[in-house]
């Protein structure tokens, strides 16, 4: 009588590395249509958005002018993790991001938990981005036409409204584009990212004319604790780097392209954030950021005394935030697709349209969930939850590099983390520090989310996993 694997054996079983290669090269149904520049723009597009167009209003009141240091600390943590991502992406170049990496290194339940963290990261960040889009849309229409949508339909409950209708519309439009195809979505995203960078360059060039060094005194009015708290908050602005690795099965020459795009996107994003933060704090007193909506356009209006720079920046923000939403929805749909292919979710998630080569069901379900969150949740709560899910996934990636170096030392890697094992260890410590700085309420909500993940794994995923079917076939319980 064959013996079924125990719960412990199920939780610790790892997906063989050769299986990833087989699925990536022929069994998945996704099409390799994305090149290096487009992939880099996906990373930039997913990262530069709400974090700099909106999040200064939350972070500056926490740290004062020292928010610049908070951005540097968050960027350092992101850089350490990005190097780890680059190695794993070159070694395991498949869809699924850190979910797939955890499945290859830590085991099935760890992968499942990371997958749920990624769903939290992408769904909640997509909703947070959609929430802020309505604010910039209102700012743009008011400056250009003197018209604002009523708060009741342009802000979520808890932020002065009943439902955030612009956020729902934005998510719907992005879903329609994603269903058409990955290549079309990547081209559209590239255009939007270039617009976004041009708008932020305008802010830096114009805003620096109003720079006042006196605004940096006192530099850290809320002390080291304030800098740490703001670092955890602004880390939300770096989460898009993970999106690059979700495209592993739709990228040409992934072992080379994935590491280049991850590192390239990090460099562009970090320089942009620090420049905008320095110019923004230098252009107005740090106390003016508290509660300020569409802050960058307000700063330009105050600096120039003219309306056109602020109108142009608001228009650019409206367009560029679309690219963030697009890439976030793209990333989550590919993670759901990969989990469905592994049997951890129902088969509907792995179905790919033969006409467009996209996972239509995963994309539409993702869009519906994100639209619901955007409609009814305020931004601050969403941002902290996103940071928690992201940091947990980042920590797993750092740990995965060290495990895979020991378990598969001869594995072909297109990129190797420099300074190993110091860099992965520092990445783990940085993620742990930023998690520690998050508020208690975020821990409670995150604990509830992981509790739900455990329940779904126990009652569905462990029994339907493809590794379970393989084990049963090997034991003679079902035909091999």
Protein backbone atom coordinates (compact mmCIF):
# COMPACT_ATOMS: atom_id res chain seq x y z
CA UNK A 1 0.00 0.00 0.00
CA UNK A 2 1.67 3.27 -1.10
CA UNK A 3 2.23 5.79 1.68
CA UNK A 4 0.99 9.33 1.13
CA UNK A 5 3.46 12.08 1.94
CA UNK A 6 3.03 13.71 5.32
CA UNK A 7 2.05 17.35 5.69
CA UNK A 8 5.66 18.19 6.56
CA UNK A 9 6.93 16.43 3.43
CA UNK A 10 4.36 18.25 1.31
CA UNK A 11 5.29 21.62 2.78
CA UNK A 12 9.04 21.12 2.25
CA UNK A 13 9.08 19.53 -1.22
CA UNK A 14 10.88 21.63 -3.81
CA UNK A 15 10.16 22.01 -7.50
CA UNK A 16 13.03 20.55 -9.57
CA UNK A 17 15.05 23.13 -11.49
CA UNK A 18 14.76 21.20 -14.76
CA UNK A 19 10.97 21.53 -14.55
CA UNK A 20 11.24 25.31 -14.67
CA UNK A 21 13.36 25.10 -17.82
CA UNK A 22 10.93 22.71 -19.52
CA UNK A 23 7.93 24.91 -18.75
CA UNK A 24 9.73 28.07 -19.80
CA UNK A 25 10.96 26.70 -23.11
CA UNK A 26 7.82 25.12 -24.41
CA UNK A 27 5.03 24.24 -22.11
CA UNK A 28 3.69 27.53 -20.87
CA UNK A 29 1.95 29.13 -23.83
CA UNK A 30 3.33 32.65 -23.14
CA UNK A 31 5.19 34.32 -26.01
CA UNK A 32 8.73 35.81 -25.89
CA UNK A 33 8.10 39.27 -27.34
CA UNK A 34 9.80 41.69 -24.85
CA UNK A 35 13.31 43.08 -25.41
CA UNK A 36 15.86 44.58 -22.95
CA UNK A 37 14.82 48.25 -23.27
CA UNK A 38 11.13 47.47 -22.94
CA UNK A 39 11.81 45.28 -19.91
CA UNK A 40 13.85 48.03 -18.25
CA UNK A 41 10.95 50.40 -18.88
CA UNK A 42 8.63 47.88 -17.24
CA UNK A 43 10.79 48.09 -14.11
CA UNK A 44 10.90 51.89 -14.22
CA UNK A 45 7.22 52.10 -15.09
CA UNK A 46 6.19 49.91 -12.18
CA UNK A 47 8.38 51.78 -9.72
CA UNK A 48 8.17 55.49 -10.51
CA UNK A 49 4.61 56.52 -9.88
CA UNK A 50 2.65 57.06 -6.70
CA UNK A 51 5.84 56.78 -4.67
CA UNK A 52 7.21 60.10 -5.92
CA UNK A 53 4.11 61.84 -7.30
CA UNK A 54 2.16 61.36 -4.08
CA UNK A 55 4.08 59.67 -1.27
CA UNK A 56 6.19 62.73 -0.35
CA UNK A 57 3.03 64.05 1.31
CA UNK A 58 3.13 61.08 3.70
CA UNK A 59 6.89 60.67 4.14
CA UNK A 60 8.11 64.25 4.63
CA UNK A 61 5.91 64.85 7.73
CA UNK A 62 7.43 61.69 9.24
CA UNK A 63 11.10 62.65 8.76
CA UNK A 64 11.24 66.32 7.81
CA UNK A 65 13.99 67.32 5.34
CA UNK A 66 15.82 64.13 6.33
CA UNK A 67 13.35 62.29 4.10
CA UNK A 68 16.20 62.47 1.57
CA UNK A 69 18.15 60.10 3.85
CA UNK A 70 15.04 57.91 4.10
CA UNK A 71 15.01 57.58 0.31
CA UNK A 72 18.72 56.71 0.33
CA UNK A 73 18.19 53.99 2.98
CA UNK A 74 15.22 52.54 1.12
CA UNK A 75 17.20 52.64 -2.13
CA UNK A 76 20.13 50.85 -0.47
CA UNK A 77 17.82 48.09 0.75
CA UNK A 78 16.26 47.85 -2.69
CA UNK A 79 19.71 47.74 -4.35
CA UNK A 80 20.88 44.87 -2.18
CA UNK A 81 17.73 42.93 -3.00
CA UNK A 82 17.87 43.86 -6.69
CA UNK A 83 21.28 42.19 -6.98
CA UNK A 84 19.81 39.04 -5.43
CA UNK A 85 16.86 39.22 -7.83
CA UNK A 86 19.25 39.57 -10.75
CA UNK A 87 21.08 36.35 -9.85
CA UNK A 88 17.94 34.29 -9.29
CA UNK A 89 16.25 35.69 -12.39
CA UNK A 90 19.25 34.67 -14.51
CA UNK A 91 19.35 31.21 -12.94
CA UNK A 92 15.59 30.51 -12.95
CA UNK A 93 14.28 32.70 -15.82
CA UNK A 94 10.55 31.97 -15.51
CA UNK A 95 7.34 33.77 -14.63
CA UNK A 96 6.32 33.93 -11.00
CA UNK A 97 9.10 36.09 -9.54
CA UNK A 98 10.04 35.23 -5.96
CA UNK A 99 7.23 32.65 -5.76
CA UNK A 100 9.08 30.52 -8.30
CA UNK A 101 12.44 31.17 -6.63
CA UNK A 102 11.07 30.07 -3.25
CA UNK A 103 9.58 26.92 -4.81
CA UNK A 104 13.05 25.98 -6.09
CA UNK A 105 14.87 26.72 -2.83
CA UNK A 106 12.68 26.77 0.29
CA UNK A 107 9.86 24.38 -0.52
CA UNK A 108 6.20 24.37 -1.43
CA UNK A 109 4.60 26.05 1.57
CA UNK A 110 7.23 28.79 1.67
CA UNK A 111 6.56 29.39 -2.04
CA UNK A 112 2.82 29.47 -1.39
CA UNK A 113 3.27 32.01 1.42
CA UNK A 114 5.52 34.14 -0.78
CA UNK A 115 2.96 33.91 -3.57
CA UNK A 116 0.36 35.31 -1.21
CA UNK A 117 2.75 38.07 -0.18
CA UNK A 118 3.18 38.92 -3.87
CA UNK A 119 -0.58 38.95 -4.40
CA UNK A 120 -0.81 41.38 -1.49
CA UNK A 121 2.06 43.45 -2.89
CA UNK A 122 0.65 43.74 -6.39
CA UNK A 123 -3.06 43.97 -5.65
CA UNK A 124 -2.70 46.48 -2.84
CA UNK A 125 -0.09 48.60 -4.59
CA UNK A 126 -2.21 48.65 -7.73
CA UNK A 127 -5.15 49.86 -5.68
CA UNK A 128 -3.04 52.49 -3.90
CA UNK A 129 -1.80 53.80 -7.23
CA UNK A 130 -5.33 53.95 -8.60
CA UNK A 131 -6.44 55.90 -5.51
CA UNK A 132 -3.81 58.59 -6.08
CA UNK A 133 -4.63 58.79 -9.80
CA UNK A 134 -8.00 60.32 -8.99
CA UNK A 135 -6.31 63.08 -6.99
CA UNK A 136 -4.05 64.08 -9.87
CA UNK A 137 -6.94 63.85 -12.33
CA UNK A 138 -8.90 66.27 -10.14
CA UNK A 139 -5.90 68.57 -9.87
CA UNK A 140 -5.45 68.54 -13.66
CA UNK A 141 -9.09 69.25 -14.51
CA UNK A 142 -9.31 72.01 -11.88
CA UNK A 143 -6.19 73.78 -13.14
CA UNK A 144 -7.17 73.50 -16.80
CA UNK A 145 -10.97 73.75 -16.72
CA UNK A 146 -11.80 74.92 -13.19
CA UNK A 147 -13.69 71.67 -12.59
CA UNK A 148 -13.34 69.00 -9.92
CA UNK A 149 -15.18 65.74 -9.53
CA UNK A 150 -17.17 65.57 -6.29
CA UNK A 151 -15.26 63.99 -3.42
CA UNK A 152 -18.06 61.46 -3.03
CA UNK A 153 -17.05 59.74 -6.30
CA UNK A 154 -13.34 60.57 -6.48
CA UNK A 155 -12.08 59.48 -3.04
CA UNK A 156 -12.48 56.26 -1.03
CA UNK A 157 -14.22 55.96 2.35
CA UNK A 158 -12.02 57.33 5.10
CA UNK A 159 -10.61 59.97 2.74
CA UNK A 160 -13.72 62.10 2.31
CA UNK A 161 -15.57 60.04 -0.28
CA UNK A 162 -17.91 57.12 -0.85
CA UNK A 163 -16.24 55.43 -3.82
CA UNK A 164 -13.13 56.15 -5.87
CA UNK A 165 -14.68 55.93 -9.33
CA UNK A 166 -11.61 57.19 -11.31
CA UNK A 167 -9.52 54.37 -9.81
CA UNK A 168 -12.06 51.78 -10.93
CA UNK A 169 -12.10 53.20 -14.48
CA UNK A 170 -8.28 53.24 -14.65
CA UNK A 171 -8.00 49.59 -13.61
CA UNK A 172 -10.62 48.59 -16.16
CA UNK A 173 -8.83 50.31 -19.04
CA UNK A 174 -5.49 48.74 -18.10
CA UNK A 175 -7.08 45.27 -17.99
CA UNK A 176 -8.47 45.73 -21.51
CA UNK A 177 -5.00 46.64 -22.80
CA UNK A 178 -3.35 43.68 -21.05
CA UNK A 179 -5.85 41.25 -22.51
CA UNK A 180 -4.87 42.42 -26.02
CA UNK A 181 -1.28 41.18 -25.59
CA UNK A 182 2.01 41.55 -23.70
CA UNK A 183 3.86 43.19 -26.60
CA UNK A 184 1.23 45.90 -27.08
CA UNK A 185 1.17 46.55 -23.34
CA UNK A 186 4.99 46.82 -23.20
CA UNK A 187 5.07 49.35 -26.06
CA UNK A 188 2.35 51.47 -24.44
CA UNK A 189 4.18 51.31 -21.10
CA UNK A 190 7.45 52.44 -22.71
CA UNK A 191 5.76 55.55 -24.13
CA UNK A 192 4.15 56.35 -20.77
CA UNK A 193 7.46 55.91 -18.91
CA UNK A 194 9.27 58.32 -21.23
CA UNK A 195 6.49 60.86 -20.63
CA UNK A 196 6.85 60.31 -16.90
CA UNK A 197 10.61 60.85 -16.88
CA UNK A 198 10.23 63.99 -18.99
CA UNK A 199 7.67 65.38 -16.53
CA UNK A 200 9.90 64.70 -13.53
CA UNK A 201 12.87 66.26 -15.34
CA UNK A 202 10.69 69.35 -15.82
CA UNK A 203 9.94 69.40 -12.10
CA UNK A 204 13.65 69.23 -11.22
CA UNK A 205 14.67 71.94 -13.73
CA UNK A 206 11.88 74.36 -12.79
CA UNK A 207 11.67 73.51 -9.09
CA UNK A 208 15.37 74.10 -8.47
CA UNK A 209 14.88 77.78 -9.32
CA UNK A 210 12.96 78.09 -6.06
CA UNK A 211 15.50 76.13 -4.02
CA UNK A 212 16.14 77.49 -0.51
CA UNK A 213 18.79 75.77 1.60
CA UNK A 214 17.07 77.16 4.69
CA UNK A 215 14.25 74.66 4.19
CA UNK A 216 16.66 71.93 5.27
CA UNK A 217 17.00 73.42 8.77
CA UNK A 218 16.43 71.69 11.11
CA UNK A 219 17.44 68.69 9.01
CA UNK A 220 15.98 65.89 11.16
CA UNK A 221 13.35 67.50 13.43
CA UNK A 222 11.82 64.09 14.26
CA UNK A 223 15.14 62.35 14.90
CA UNK A 224 16.51 59.01 13.77
CA UNK A 225 13.19 57.30 14.53
CA UNK A 226 11.45 59.58 12.04
CA UNK A 227 13.98 58.74 9.34
CA UNK A 228 13.45 55.02 9.94
CA UNK A 229 9.67 55.33 9.85
CA UNK A 230 9.81 57.31 6.61
CA UNK A 231 12.20 54.73 5.12
CA UNK A 232 9.62 52.01 5.68
CA UNK A 233 6.97 54.23 4.11
CA UNK A 234 8.95 55.22 1.02
CA UNK A 235 10.12 51.66 0.45
CA UNK A 236 6.65 51.31 -1.08
CA UNK A 237 8.08 53.40 -3.91
CA UNK A 238 10.67 50.75 -4.86
CA UNK A 239 8.46 47.68 -5.11
CA UNK A 240 8.12 47.78 -8.88
CA UNK A 241 11.56 46.25 -9.39
CA UNK A 242 9.98 42.89 -8.61
CA UNK A 243 7.78 43.27 -11.70
CA UNK A 244 10.76 42.75 -14.02
CA UNK A 245 11.17 39.16 -12.86
CA UNK A 246 7.50 38.33 -13.46
CA UNK A 247 8.18 38.61 -17.22
CA UNK A 248 10.69 35.76 -17.28
CA UNK A 249 8.80 33.71 -19.86
CA UNK A 250 7.95 36.61 -22.17
CA UNK A 251 11.47 38.03 -22.52
CA UNK A 252 13.96 37.29 -25.28
CA UNK A 253 17.31 35.87 -24.00
CA UNK A 254 16.11 35.99 -20.35
CA UNK A 255 19.37 34.96 -18.66
CA UNK A 256 21.04 38.11 -19.98
CA UNK A 257 18.06 40.46 -20.28
CA UNK A 258 16.55 40.02 -16.81
CA UNK A 259 19.66 41.03 -14.78
CA UNK A 260 20.37 44.00 -17.08
CA UNK A 261 16.80 45.28 -16.78
CA UNK A 262 16.65 44.88 -12.98
CA UNK A 263 19.91 46.76 -12.36
CA UNK A 264 19.20 49.37 -15.05
CA UNK A 265 15.75 50.13 -13.66
CA UNK A 266 17.13 50.48 -10.13
CA UNK A 267 19.73 53.04 -11.23
CA UNK A 268 17.17 55.17 -13.11
CA UNK A 269 14.65 55.02 -10.29
CA UNK A 270 17.08 55.83 -7.47
CA UNK A 271 18.58 58.87 -9.21
CA UNK A 272 15.12 60.18 -10.07
CA UNK A 273 13.73 59.78 -6.56
CA UNK A 274 16.64 61.46 -4.83
CA UNK A 275 16.69 64.41 -7.25
CA UNK A 276 12.94 64.99 -6.91
CA UNK A 277 13.05 64.68 -3.10
CA UNK A 278 15.94 67.17 -2.77
CA UNK A 279 14.33 69.71 -5.08
CA UNK A 280 10.88 69.25 -3.51
CA UNK A 281 12.08 69.81 0.07
CA UNK A 282 14.27 72.68 -1.05
CA UNK A 283 11.36 74.42 -2.76
CA UNK A 284 8.95 74.57 0.18
CA UNK A 285 9.06 74.17 4.00
CA UNK A 286 8.77 70.55 5.12
CA UNK A 287 5.71 71.37 7.22
CA UNK A 288 3.80 72.32 4.05
CA UNK A 289 3.81 68.71 2.83
CA UNK A 290 1.42 67.49 5.52
CA UNK A 291 -1.94 66.75 3.91
CA UNK A 292 -0.84 68.26 0.57
CA UNK A 293 -2.48 66.56 -2.42
CA UNK A 294 -0.83 66.49 -5.86
CA UNK A 295 2.18 68.02 -4.11
CA UNK A 296 4.62 68.30 -7.01
CA UNK A 297 2.27 70.35 -9.15
CA UNK A 298 1.48 72.57 -6.14
CA UNK A 299 5.21 73.19 -5.64
CA UNK A 300 5.70 74.20 -9.28
CA UNK A 301 2.73 76.56 -9.12
CA UNK A 302 4.20 78.25 -6.02
CA UNK A 303 7.73 78.46 -7.47
CA UNK A 304 6.81 79.90 -10.87
CA UNK A 305 3.68 81.87 -10.03
CA UNK A 306 2.37 80.59 -13.36
CA UNK A 307 -0.17 77.94 -14.15
CA UNK A 308 1.34 76.09 -17.12
CA UNK A 309 4.12 74.12 -15.35
CA UNK A 310 1.68 72.78 -12.78
CA UNK A 311 -0.86 71.88 -15.48
CA UNK A 312 1.83 70.07 -17.48
CA UNK A 313 3.05 68.15 -14.43
CA UNK A 314 -0.48 67.12 -13.44
CA UNK A 315 -1.15 65.92 -17.00
CA UNK A 316 2.10 63.94 -16.96
CA UNK A 317 1.21 62.41 -13.60
CA UNK A 318 -2.24 61.41 -14.86
CA UNK A 319 -0.67 59.66 -17.86
CA UNK A 320 2.34 58.16 -16.11
CA UNK A 321 0.46 56.64 -13.19
CA UNK A 322 -1.41 54.66 -15.84
CA UNK A 323 1.85 52.84 -16.62
CA UNK A 324 2.34 51.83 -12.99
CA UNK A 325 -1.16 50.40 -12.78
CA UNK A 326 -0.62 48.59 -16.07
CA UNK A 327 2.59 46.88 -14.96
CA UNK A 328 1.26 46.01 -11.50
CA UNK A 329 -1.75 44.27 -13.03
CA UNK A 330 0.57 42.56 -15.52
CA UNK A 331 2.83 41.26 -12.74
CA UNK A 332 0.04 39.89 -10.59
CA UNK A 333 -1.69 38.14 -13.49
CA UNK A 334 1.59 36.35 -14.35
CA UNK A 335 2.08 35.24 -10.75
CA UNK A 336 -1.46 33.85 -10.66
CA UNK A 337 -0.78 32.15 -13.99
CA UNK A 338 2.34 30.46 -12.60
CA UNK A 339 0.60 29.35 -9.40
CA UNK A 340 -2.23 27.92 -11.48
CA UNK A 341 0.24 26.03 -13.67
CA UNK A 342 1.75 24.50 -10.54
CA UNK A 343 -1.69 23.33 -9.41
CA UNK A 344 -1.65 25.63 -6.38
CA UNK A 345 -4.68 27.47 -7.79
CA UNK A 346 -7.53 26.15 -10.00
CA UNK A 347 -6.81 25.35 -13.65
CA UNK A 348 -8.63 28.47 -14.90
CA UNK A 349 -5.68 30.61 -13.77
CA UNK A 350 -3.22 28.89 -16.13
CA UNK A 351 -5.34 29.14 -19.28
CA UNK A 352 -3.78 31.28 -22.01
CA UNK A 353 -5.73 32.74 -24.91
CA UNK A 354 -4.51 31.12 -28.16
CA UNK A 355 -5.21 34.39 -30.00
CA UNK A 356 -3.44 36.91 -27.76
CA UNK A 357 -1.09 34.67 -25.75
CA UNK A 358 -2.27 36.21 -22.46
CA UNK A 359 -3.83 34.65 -19.32
CA UNK A 360 -7.22 36.33 -19.73
CA UNK A 361 -8.95 34.87 -16.65
CA UNK A 362 -6.06 35.79 -14.33
CA UNK A 363 -5.93 39.30 -15.78
CA UNK A 364 -9.66 39.97 -15.42
CA UNK A 365 -9.83 38.53 -11.90
CA UNK A 366 -6.83 40.63 -10.88
CA UNK A 367 -8.45 43.74 -12.32
CA UNK A 368 -11.73 43.12 -10.51
CA UNK A 369 -10.04 42.66 -7.14
CA UNK A 370 -7.77 45.70 -7.55
CA UNK A 371 -10.71 47.85 -8.68
CA UNK A 372 -12.64 46.85 -5.56
CA UNK A 373 -9.72 47.78 -3.28
CA UNK A 374 -9.21 51.07 -5.09
CA UNK A 375 -12.88 51.93 -4.73
CA UNK A 376 -13.15 51.58 -0.96
CA UNK A 377 -9.72 51.72 0.79
CA UNK A 378 -7.64 54.83 1.70
CA UNK A 379 -4.03 55.10 0.49
CA UNK A 380 -2.05 55.11 3.77
CA UNK A 381 -3.33 51.71 4.89
CA UNK A 382 -2.70 50.25 1.44
CA UNK A 383 0.87 51.59 1.30
CA UNK A 384 1.96 50.00 4.60
CA UNK A 385 0.39 46.63 3.69
CA UNK A 386 2.19 46.71 0.35
CA UNK A 387 5.52 47.37 2.06
CA UNK A 388 5.02 44.42 4.40
CA UNK A 389 4.21 41.98 1.59
CA UNK A 390 7.07 43.27 -0.53
CA UNK A 391 9.67 43.11 2.23
CA UNK A 392 8.71 39.53 3.07
CA UNK A 393 9.12 38.53 -0.59
CA UNK A 394 12.44 40.41 -0.85
CA UNK A 395 13.78 38.62 2.23
CA UNK A 396 12.93 35.25 0.67
CA UNK A 397 14.80 36.19 -2.52
CA UNK A 398 17.91 37.08 -0.51
CA UNK A 399 17.71 33.79 1.37
CA UNK A 400 17.08 31.92 -1.88
CA UNK A 401 20.37 33.11 -3.38
CA UNK A 402 22.31 31.59 -0.49
CA UNK A 403 20.39 28.31 -0.56
CA UNK A 404 20.72 27.88 -4.33
CA UNK A 405 24.47 28.58 -4.16
CA UNK A 406 24.74 25.56 -1.82
CA UNK A 407 22.22 23.20 -3.43
CA UNK A 408 23.05 23.93 -7.09
CA UNK A 409 26.55 25.44 -7.24
CA UNK A 410 27.08 24.48 -10.90
CA UNK A 411 23.78 25.97 -12.13
CA UNK A 412 24.15 28.27 -15.13
CA UNK A 413 23.85 31.85 -13.89
CA UNK A 414 23.89 34.83 -16.22
CA UNK A 415 24.66 37.08 -13.23
CA UNK A 416 26.24 36.46 -9.83
CA UNK A 417 25.77 38.66 -6.78
CA UNK A 418 29.02 40.55 -6.08
CA UNK A 419 30.36 40.36 -2.55
CA UNK A 420 28.61 37.09 -1.78
CA UNK A 421 27.55 36.19 0.94
CA UNK A 422 27.75 39.70 2.46
CA UNK A 423 25.26 41.30 0.05
CA UNK A 424 22.44 38.74 0.58
CA UNK A 425 22.97 38.91 4.36
CA UNK A 426 22.85 42.71 4.34
CA UNK A 427 19.71 42.53 2.21
CA UNK A 428 18.07 40.27 4.80
CA UNK A 429 19.04 42.66 7.61
CA UNK A 430 17.78 45.70 5.70
CA UNK A 431 14.43 44.03 5.01
CA UNK A 432 14.15 43.01 8.67
CA UNK A 433 14.85 46.58 9.82
CA UNK A 434 12.20 48.07 7.52
CA UNK A 435 9.65 45.46 8.61
CA UNK A 436 10.38 46.36 12.23
CA UNK A 437 9.57 50.02 11.49
CA UNK A 438 6.06 49.26 10.20
CA UNK A 439 3.09 50.03 12.52
CA UNK A 440 1.38 47.37 14.66
CA UNK A 441 -1.86 47.50 12.66
CA UNK A 442 0.02 46.41 9.56
CA UNK A 443 1.34 43.34 11.41
CA UNK A 444 -2.17 42.36 12.46
CA UNK A 445 -3.60 42.67 8.96
CA UNK A 446 -0.63 40.83 7.48
CA UNK A 447 -1.01 38.04 10.03
CA UNK A 448 -4.64 37.65 9.04
CA UNK A 449 -3.63 37.47 5.37
CA UNK A 450 -1.07 34.72 6.07
CA UNK A 451 -3.64 32.85 8.17
CA UNK A 452 -5.93 32.81 5.14
CA UNK A 453 -3.02 31.58 3.02
CA UNK A 454 -2.44 28.68 5.43
CA UNK A 455 -6.10 27.67 5.31
CA UNK A 456 -6.19 27.64 1.50
CA UNK A 457 -2.97 25.63 1.35
CA UNK A 458 -4.19 23.01 3.82
CA UNK A 459 -7.60 22.52 2.24
CA UNK A 460 -6.80 22.93 -1.46
CA UNK A 461 -3.29 23.66 -2.73
CA UNK A 462 -1.30 20.82 -1.14
CA UNK A 463 -3.77 18.27 -2.54
CA UNK A 464 -3.85 19.71 -6.06
CA UNK A 465 -0.16 20.59 -6.44
CA UNK A 466 1.48 19.12 -9.54
CA UNK A 467 4.22 17.81 -7.26
CA UNK A 468 1.53 15.86 -5.39
CA UNK A 469 0.34 14.31 -8.64
CA UNK A 470 3.92 13.45 -9.57
CA UNK A 471 4.51 11.81 -6.19
CA UNK A 472 1.30 9.77 -6.50
CA UNK A 473 2.24 8.67 -10.01
CA UNK A 474 5.69 7.60 -8.82
CA UNK A 475 4.11 5.64 -5.98
CA UNK A 476 1.75 3.86 -8.37
CA UNK A 477 -1.42 5.48 -7.08
CA UNK A 478 -2.35 6.96 -10.46
CA UNK A 479 -1.11 6.20 -13.96
CA UNK A 480 2.25 7.89 -14.55
